Structures are given as C-alpha cells and as structure tokens.
N, C-alpha and C. Protein backbone atom coordinates (compact mmCIF):
# COMPACT_ATOMS: atom_id res chain seq x y z
N UNK A 1 57.27 150.95 143.92
CA UNK A 1 58.53 151.39 144.93
C UNK A 1 57.24 151.51 146.15
N UNK A 2 57.57 150.40 147.41
CA UNK A 2 57.06 150.75 148.05
C UNK A 2 57.22 151.84 149.26
N UNK A 3 58.30 152.68 149.17
CA UNK A 3 58.03 153.80 149.75
C UNK A 3 57.63 154.86 149.36
N UNK A 4 57.61 155.22 148.20
CA UNK A 4 56.55 155.75 147.50
C UNK A 4 54.73 155.73 147.42
N UNK A 5 54.75 154.47 147.77
CA UNK A 5 53.48 154.23 147.74
C UNK A 5 53.19 154.18 149.80
N UNK A 6 54.01 154.13 150.44
CA UNK A 6 53.81 154.48 151.74
C UNK A 6 53.73 155.66 152.03
N UNK A 7 54.03 156.59 151.44
CA UNK A 7 54.41 158.15 151.69
C UNK A 7 53.13 158.96 150.85
N UNK A 8 52.45 158.15 149.88
CA UNK A 8 51.21 158.22 149.58
C UNK A 8 50.34 157.96 149.99
N UNK A 9 50.48 157.12 151.31
CA UNK A 9 48.98 157.05 152.32
C UNK A 9 49.25 157.49 153.44
N UNK A 10 50.22 158.04 153.77
CA UNK A 10 50.50 158.56 154.81
C UNK A 10 50.70 159.92 154.96
N UNK A 11 52.07 160.30 154.69
CA UNK A 11 52.66 161.74 154.62
C UNK A 11 51.75 162.60 153.68
N UNK A 12 51.79 162.30 152.53
CA UNK A 12 50.62 163.10 151.48
C UNK A 12 49.28 162.73 151.21
N UNK A 13 48.81 161.99 152.13
CA UNK A 13 47.57 161.17 151.72
C UNK A 13 46.35 162.74 151.14
N UNK A 14 46.81 163.68 152.00
CA UNK A 14 45.75 164.76 152.20
C UNK A 14 46.00 165.95 150.91
N UNK A 15 47.13 165.34 150.50
CA UNK A 15 47.71 166.60 149.28
C UNK A 15 47.63 166.05 147.65
N UNK A 16 46.49 165.82 147.06
CA UNK A 16 46.09 165.16 145.56
C UNK A 16 47.11 165.93 144.85
N UNK A 17 48.02 166.64 144.58
CA UNK A 17 48.50 167.21 143.40
C UNK A 17 49.98 166.32 144.17
N UNK A 18 50.40 166.41 145.26
CA UNK A 18 51.78 165.44 145.19
C UNK A 18 51.47 164.00 145.32
N UNK A 19 50.37 163.32 145.67
CA UNK A 19 50.10 162.01 145.74
C UNK A 19 50.47 161.73 143.78
N UNK A 20 49.79 162.51 142.93
CA UNK A 20 49.78 162.64 141.34
C UNK A 20 51.45 162.44 141.22
N UNK A 21 52.42 163.53 141.80
CA UNK A 21 53.24 163.59 141.19
C UNK A 21 54.39 162.47 141.93
N UNK A 22 53.94 161.97 143.35
CA UNK A 22 54.99 160.61 143.76
C UNK A 22 54.28 159.80 142.59
N UNK A 23 53.20 159.19 142.18
CA UNK A 23 52.96 158.76 141.08
C UNK A 23 53.87 158.36 139.62
N UNK A 24 53.80 159.85 139.48
CA UNK A 24 54.66 160.03 138.09
C UNK A 24 56.01 159.71 138.58
N UNK A 25 56.99 159.97 139.64
CA UNK A 25 58.19 159.21 140.12
C UNK A 25 58.10 157.97 140.04
N UNK A 26 56.89 157.28 140.68
CA UNK A 26 57.19 155.70 140.43
C UNK A 26 57.06 155.31 138.98
N UNK A 27 56.32 156.05 138.42
CA UNK A 27 56.20 155.62 136.77
C UNK A 27 57.43 155.62 136.26
N UNK A 28 58.26 156.98 136.36
CA UNK A 28 59.52 157.14 135.89
C UNK A 28 60.63 155.87 136.51
N UNK A 29 60.10 155.71 137.46
CA UNK A 29 61.59 154.36 137.87
C UNK A 29 61.23 153.09 137.34
N UNK A 30 59.91 152.60 137.08
CA UNK A 30 59.32 151.56 136.52
C UNK A 30 59.66 151.48 135.12
N UNK A 31 59.67 152.97 134.70
CA UNK A 31 60.07 152.62 133.01
C UNK A 31 61.32 152.63 132.76
N UNK A 32 62.10 153.46 133.69
CA UNK A 32 63.92 153.62 133.55
C UNK A 32 64.43 152.19 133.12
N UNK A 33 65.47 152.17 132.14
CA UNK A 33 66.32 151.36 131.77
C UNK A 33 67.34 150.96 132.72
N UNK A 34 67.74 151.96 133.89
CA UNK A 34 68.52 151.73 134.82
C UNK A 34 68.05 151.28 136.41
N UNK A 35 69.28 150.81 136.78
CA UNK A 35 68.27 150.47 138.12
C UNK A 35 68.22 151.49 139.08
N UNK A 36 66.93 151.49 139.55
CA UNK A 36 67.15 152.67 140.46
C UNK A 36 67.92 153.12 141.88
N UNK A 37 69.39 152.40 142.04
CA UNK A 37 70.00 152.97 142.94
C UNK A 37 71.30 153.80 141.97
N UNK A 38 71.12 153.56 140.65
CA UNK A 38 72.23 154.19 139.75
C UNK A 38 71.43 155.68 139.26
N UNK A 39 70.29 155.98 139.40
CA UNK A 39 69.48 157.12 138.89
C UNK A 39 70.40 158.20 139.64
N UNK A 40 70.27 159.20 139.24
CA UNK A 40 70.66 160.28 139.68
C UNK A 40 69.77 161.73 139.30
N UNK A 41 68.96 162.56 140.36
CA UNK A 41 68.29 163.04 140.18
C UNK A 41 68.71 164.53 140.85
N UNK A 42 68.72 165.46 139.70
CA UNK A 42 68.94 166.63 139.46
C UNK A 42 67.63 167.41 139.94
N UNK A 43 67.77 168.57 140.64
CA UNK A 43 66.23 169.34 141.15
C UNK A 43 65.67 169.55 139.39
N UNK A 44 66.28 169.97 138.22
CA UNK A 44 66.26 169.76 137.10
C UNK A 44 64.92 168.55 136.65
N UNK A 45 65.43 167.72 137.12
CA UNK A 45 65.05 166.42 136.23
C UNK A 45 63.73 166.04 137.66
N UNK A 46 63.60 166.63 138.52
CA UNK A 46 62.67 166.15 139.52
C UNK A 46 61.86 166.84 139.20
N UNK A 47 62.13 168.45 139.12
CA UNK A 47 60.77 169.34 138.49
C UNK A 47 60.03 168.82 137.28
N UNK A 48 60.77 168.30 136.22
CA UNK A 48 60.39 167.55 134.86
C UNK A 48 59.57 166.70 135.52
N UNK A 49 59.96 165.44 135.99
CA UNK A 49 59.03 164.60 136.66
C UNK A 49 57.72 165.16 137.31
N UNK A 50 57.80 165.94 138.40
CA UNK A 50 56.76 166.32 138.81
C UNK A 50 55.81 167.39 138.55
N UNK A 51 56.35 168.42 137.59
CA UNK A 51 55.72 169.24 136.82
C UNK A 51 54.35 169.31 136.60
N UNK A 52 53.90 168.15 135.67
CA UNK A 52 53.00 167.38 135.34
C UNK A 52 51.75 167.99 136.33
N UNK A 53 51.60 167.77 137.78
CA UNK A 53 50.92 167.56 138.70
C UNK A 53 50.99 169.11 139.43
N UNK A 54 52.24 169.40 139.70
CA UNK A 54 53.08 170.60 141.07
C UNK A 54 53.41 171.18 139.78
N UNK A 55 52.47 172.45 139.94
CA UNK A 55 52.85 173.77 138.58
C UNK A 55 54.00 174.87 139.16
N UNK A 56 53.86 175.30 140.47
CA UNK A 56 54.72 176.34 140.62
C UNK A 56 56.28 175.61 141.50
N UNK A 57 57.18 176.53 141.11
CA UNK A 57 58.46 176.06 141.59
C UNK A 57 58.58 175.91 142.99
N UNK A 58 57.55 176.66 143.75
CA UNK A 58 58.37 176.69 145.68
C UNK A 58 57.34 175.83 145.94
N UNK A 59 56.39 175.02 145.16
CA UNK A 59 55.89 173.88 145.55
C UNK A 59 56.58 172.49 145.32
N UNK A 60 57.38 172.62 144.14
CA UNK A 60 58.32 171.80 143.83
C UNK A 60 59.39 171.27 144.37
N UNK A 61 60.18 172.48 145.29
CA UNK A 61 61.16 172.73 146.11
C UNK A 61 60.86 172.27 147.24
N UNK A 62 59.71 172.13 147.92
CA UNK A 62 58.99 172.34 149.22
C UNK A 62 58.34 170.54 149.02
N UNK A 63 58.37 170.09 148.03
CA UNK A 63 57.84 168.60 147.74
C UNK A 63 59.09 167.67 147.70
N UNK A 64 60.42 168.38 146.80
CA UNK A 64 61.48 167.60 147.18
C UNK A 64 62.03 167.67 148.22
N UNK A 65 62.16 168.97 149.33
CA UNK A 65 62.48 169.13 150.56
C UNK A 65 62.08 167.57 151.77
N UNK A 66 61.03 167.75 151.50
CA UNK A 66 59.80 166.81 151.96
C UNK A 66 60.35 165.21 152.08
N UNK A 67 60.63 165.06 150.84
CA UNK A 67 60.53 163.69 150.06
C UNK A 67 62.20 163.76 151.45
N UNK A 68 63.10 164.47 151.31
CA UNK A 68 64.40 164.48 151.48
C UNK A 68 64.41 163.94 153.38
N UNK A 69 62.98 164.54 154.01
CA UNK A 69 63.06 164.83 155.25
C UNK A 69 62.08 163.91 155.82
N UNK A 70 61.18 163.51 155.20
CA UNK A 70 59.99 162.34 155.44
C UNK A 70 60.29 161.24 156.01
N UNK A 71 59.40 160.87 156.86
CA UNK A 71 59.75 159.37 157.03
C UNK A 71 58.32 158.37 156.50
N UNK A 72 58.76 157.54 155.53
CA UNK A 72 60.05 157.12 155.57
C UNK A 72 60.87 157.74 154.18
N UNK A 73 62.22 158.09 153.99
CA UNK A 73 62.73 159.33 153.46
C UNK A 73 62.98 158.31 152.19
N UNK A 74 62.76 159.17 151.24
CA UNK A 74 62.80 158.54 149.69
C UNK A 74 63.75 159.21 148.93
N UNK A 75 64.55 160.23 149.30
CA UNK A 75 65.57 160.86 148.78
C UNK A 75 66.68 161.57 149.62
N UNK A 76 67.79 161.51 149.43
CA UNK A 76 68.65 161.55 149.89
C UNK A 76 69.83 162.98 149.19
N UNK A 77 70.18 163.73 149.55
CA UNK A 77 70.62 165.06 148.86
C UNK A 77 72.52 164.91 148.98
N UNK A 78 72.84 164.71 147.84
CA UNK A 78 74.47 164.88 147.72
C UNK A 78 75.21 166.25 147.11
N UNK A 79 75.92 166.79 148.19
CA UNK A 79 75.79 168.21 147.48
C UNK A 79 77.72 168.49 147.11
N UNK A 80 77.60 169.18 146.33
CA UNK A 80 79.01 169.30 145.35
C UNK A 80 79.37 170.66 145.42
N UNK A 81 80.75 171.14 145.09
CA UNK A 81 81.34 172.49 144.89
C UNK A 81 82.17 172.06 143.26
N UNK A 82 81.56 172.95 142.76
CA UNK A 82 82.60 172.76 141.32
C UNK A 82 83.11 173.84 141.03
N UNK A 83 84.50 173.69 140.61
CA UNK A 83 85.62 175.00 140.32
C UNK A 83 86.48 174.45 139.14
N UNK A 84 86.82 175.31 138.55
CA UNK A 84 87.65 175.08 137.45
C UNK A 84 87.76 173.13 136.87
N UNK A 85 86.68 172.86 136.52
CA UNK A 85 86.37 171.63 136.30
C UNK A 85 86.33 170.63 137.40
N UNK A 86 87.03 171.12 138.24
CA UNK A 86 86.85 169.55 139.63
C UNK A 86 86.09 169.69 140.13
N UNK A 87 85.47 168.61 141.18
CA UNK A 87 84.01 168.77 141.53
C UNK A 87 84.59 167.97 143.06
N UNK A 88 84.31 168.73 144.33
CA UNK A 88 84.55 168.14 145.17
C UNK A 88 83.05 167.42 146.36
N UNK A 89 82.91 166.78 147.06
CA UNK A 89 81.93 167.04 147.66
C UNK A 89 82.04 167.46 149.03
N UNK A 90 80.75 168.22 149.72
CA UNK A 90 80.44 169.13 150.37
C UNK A 90 79.31 168.41 151.61
N UNK A 91 79.92 168.50 152.71
CA UNK A 91 78.44 168.22 153.97
C UNK A 91 77.79 169.14 153.99
N UNK A 92 76.31 168.86 154.55
CA UNK A 92 75.10 170.18 154.56
C UNK A 92 75.73 171.21 155.30
N UNK A 93 76.62 171.36 156.50
CA UNK A 93 77.32 172.05 156.93
C UNK A 93 78.29 172.95 156.26
N UNK A 94 78.77 172.47 155.53
CA UNK A 94 79.43 173.44 154.40
C UNK A 94 78.69 174.00 153.55
N UNK A 95 77.93 173.39 152.82
CA UNK A 95 76.75 174.48 152.47
C UNK A 95 76.17 175.43 153.20
N UNK A 96 75.52 175.30 154.33
CA UNK A 96 75.23 175.88 154.82
C UNK A 96 76.06 177.53 155.40
N UNK A 97 77.48 176.80 155.57
CA UNK A 97 78.56 178.03 155.54
C UNK A 97 78.58 178.94 154.29
N UNK A 98 78.52 178.21 153.05
CA UNK A 98 78.29 179.03 151.68
C UNK A 98 77.38 179.68 151.67
N UNK A 99 75.95 179.16 151.98
CA UNK A 99 74.75 180.06 151.88
C UNK A 99 74.26 181.07 152.60
N UNK A 100 74.77 180.75 154.08
CA UNK A 100 73.98 181.81 154.83
C UNK A 100 75.02 182.44 155.73
N UNK A 101 76.28 182.04 155.72
CA UNK A 101 77.31 182.65 156.83
C UNK A 101 78.45 183.54 155.58
N UNK A 102 78.28 183.12 154.64
CA UNK A 102 79.40 184.07 153.33
C UNK A 102 80.33 183.57 153.05
N UNK A 103 80.81 182.40 153.52
CA UNK A 103 82.07 181.59 153.24
C UNK A 103 82.16 181.68 151.90
N UNK A 104 83.79 182.00 151.41
CA UNK A 104 83.55 182.03 150.22
C UNK A 104 84.84 181.58 149.26
N UNK A 105 85.36 180.69 149.98
CA UNK A 105 87.11 180.21 149.76
C UNK A 105 86.57 178.93 148.89
N UNK A 106 87.22 178.50 147.74
CA UNK A 106 87.25 177.22 147.08
C UNK A 106 87.99 176.09 147.71
N UNK A 107 86.89 174.98 147.82
CA UNK A 107 87.74 173.70 148.48
C UNK A 107 88.49 173.21 147.28
N UNK A 108 88.18 173.47 146.19
CA UNK A 108 89.08 173.09 144.91
C UNK A 108 90.41 173.93 145.23
N UNK A 109 90.71 174.90 145.15
CA UNK A 109 91.92 175.89 144.52
C UNK A 109 92.19 176.56 146.01
N UNK A 110 91.20 177.10 146.72
CA UNK A 110 91.71 177.70 148.42
C UNK A 110 91.64 179.20 148.01
N UNK A 111 91.12 179.75 146.65
CA UNK A 111 91.36 180.92 146.33
C UNK A 111 89.68 181.60 147.00
N UNK A 112 89.79 182.73 147.19
CA UNK A 112 88.41 183.20 147.64
C UNK A 112 87.81 183.81 145.91
N UNK A 113 86.48 183.60 146.38
CA UNK A 113 85.42 183.59 145.09
C UNK A 113 84.27 184.68 145.73
N UNK A 114 83.92 185.37 145.05
CA UNK A 114 83.00 186.18 145.25
C UNK A 114 81.33 185.60 144.89
N UNK A 115 81.46 184.51 144.20
CA UNK A 115 80.29 183.97 143.85
C UNK A 115 80.53 182.34 144.30
N UNK A 116 81.11 182.28 145.47
CA UNK A 116 81.14 180.76 145.84
C UNK A 116 80.07 179.86 145.71
N UNK A 117 78.85 180.35 146.32
CA UNK A 117 77.57 179.98 146.49
C UNK A 117 77.02 179.48 144.85
N UNK A 118 77.12 180.06 143.78
CA UNK A 118 77.34 179.75 142.96
C UNK A 118 77.85 178.40 142.22
N UNK A 119 78.57 177.98 142.92
CA UNK A 119 79.75 176.86 142.51
C UNK A 119 78.89 175.58 143.05
N UNK A 120 78.03 175.62 143.76
CA UNK A 120 77.29 174.69 144.62
C UNK A 120 76.23 174.07 143.68
N UNK A 121 76.37 173.02 143.59
CA UNK A 121 75.18 171.93 143.12
C UNK A 121 74.44 170.73 143.94
N UNK A 122 73.40 170.06 143.89
CA UNK A 122 73.08 169.20 144.40
C UNK A 122 72.37 168.00 143.72
N UNK A 123 72.57 166.98 144.07
CA UNK A 123 72.33 165.58 142.83
C UNK A 123 71.37 164.65 144.28
N UNK A 124 70.50 164.71 143.74
CA UNK A 124 69.47 163.52 144.83
C UNK A 124 69.73 161.91 144.24
N UNK A 125 69.92 161.31 145.38
CA UNK A 125 69.65 159.85 145.12
C UNK A 125 68.38 159.18 146.10
N UNK A 126 68.09 158.14 145.36
CA UNK A 126 67.24 157.02 146.62
C UNK A 126 67.72 156.64 147.34
N UNK A 127 67.23 156.89 148.34
CA UNK A 127 67.52 156.53 150.23
C UNK A 127 67.88 154.90 150.03
N UNK A 128 68.72 154.48 151.40
CA UNK A 128 68.91 153.18 151.32
C UNK A 128 67.52 152.43 151.70
N UNK A 129 66.83 153.10 152.61
CA UNK A 129 65.24 152.62 152.79
C UNK A 129 64.55 152.52 151.84
N UNK A 130 64.71 153.62 150.69
CA UNK A 130 63.82 153.13 149.53
C UNK A 130 64.39 151.89 148.82
N UNK A 131 65.74 151.97 148.38
CA UNK A 131 66.38 151.06 147.70
C UNK A 131 65.81 149.45 148.24
N UNK A 132 65.83 149.43 149.78
CA UNK A 132 65.71 148.01 150.36
C UNK A 132 64.44 147.66 150.39
N UNK A 133 63.19 148.15 150.47
CA UNK A 133 62.21 147.91 150.26
C UNK A 133 61.56 147.74 148.55
N UNK A 134 62.48 147.75 147.80
CA UNK A 134 61.78 147.73 146.52
C UNK A 134 61.84 146.32 146.03
C-alpha cells in the first residue's frame, strides 16, 4: 500500500521499530481475504499486528495516534457508544466530553451513567487517502 510506504520513508524513517510495524500492517493487508476498505481495526487487532516490533502499550498507542494524524493519513478513528446492546456513533467532541468533562448521559437511553466512558469504543478504518492510492 503506497501510503504505508510513504510513511516509512518520511514520517517514521528514523524509527526502525515503527517501520517494521508498518511492514507488518502492510503484510496483513496483502494477506487478508477482505478488501482493505472492508477491514475494521480495533485497538486490540492493531496491537496484535504491531506487537512483534513495538513492545509496550504506550508506544503502540502513540503509533496508532500518529497514523491517524500524520500526513499522509493512514487510519481514521470512528467512535461509538454501546449501551443495552444498542450502538450509536459519537463524534470526537462528544468523546472528549465523556472522557475529560465528565459527561455521563447515555446517548442511547438518556439515563445518567456513572461509568459512561466505559461504554465508548473506537474502530479504525483505512483513510480514503490510503484507499485511493492502493
């Protein structure tokens, strides 16, 4: 995938472990039976792919965040709130409100929750930029 190659040559060229982790991601995409645009990456799945070369959780989280914000952008995060087996989309400002401002109302039921932030999860997708250069 061209975007991965571009990131290895520019943004991460001096970080050998990240370059190897990106090669693992590229290999995963090449070997997948699914189209890259259909693949959902949970933080756990990305950690599994990267963990052969990036050992600690903080470095993996940092790598994921950089892949969401670097140019070219590789990953796009989509945030969700799950409550009573129902899932709704959240935008980044809503996630911020739950995590840092103590917002506690379920967008599913409207009830107040003590553990509202525990109902939030993220799924990453390949960016349109990554898919268009494939």
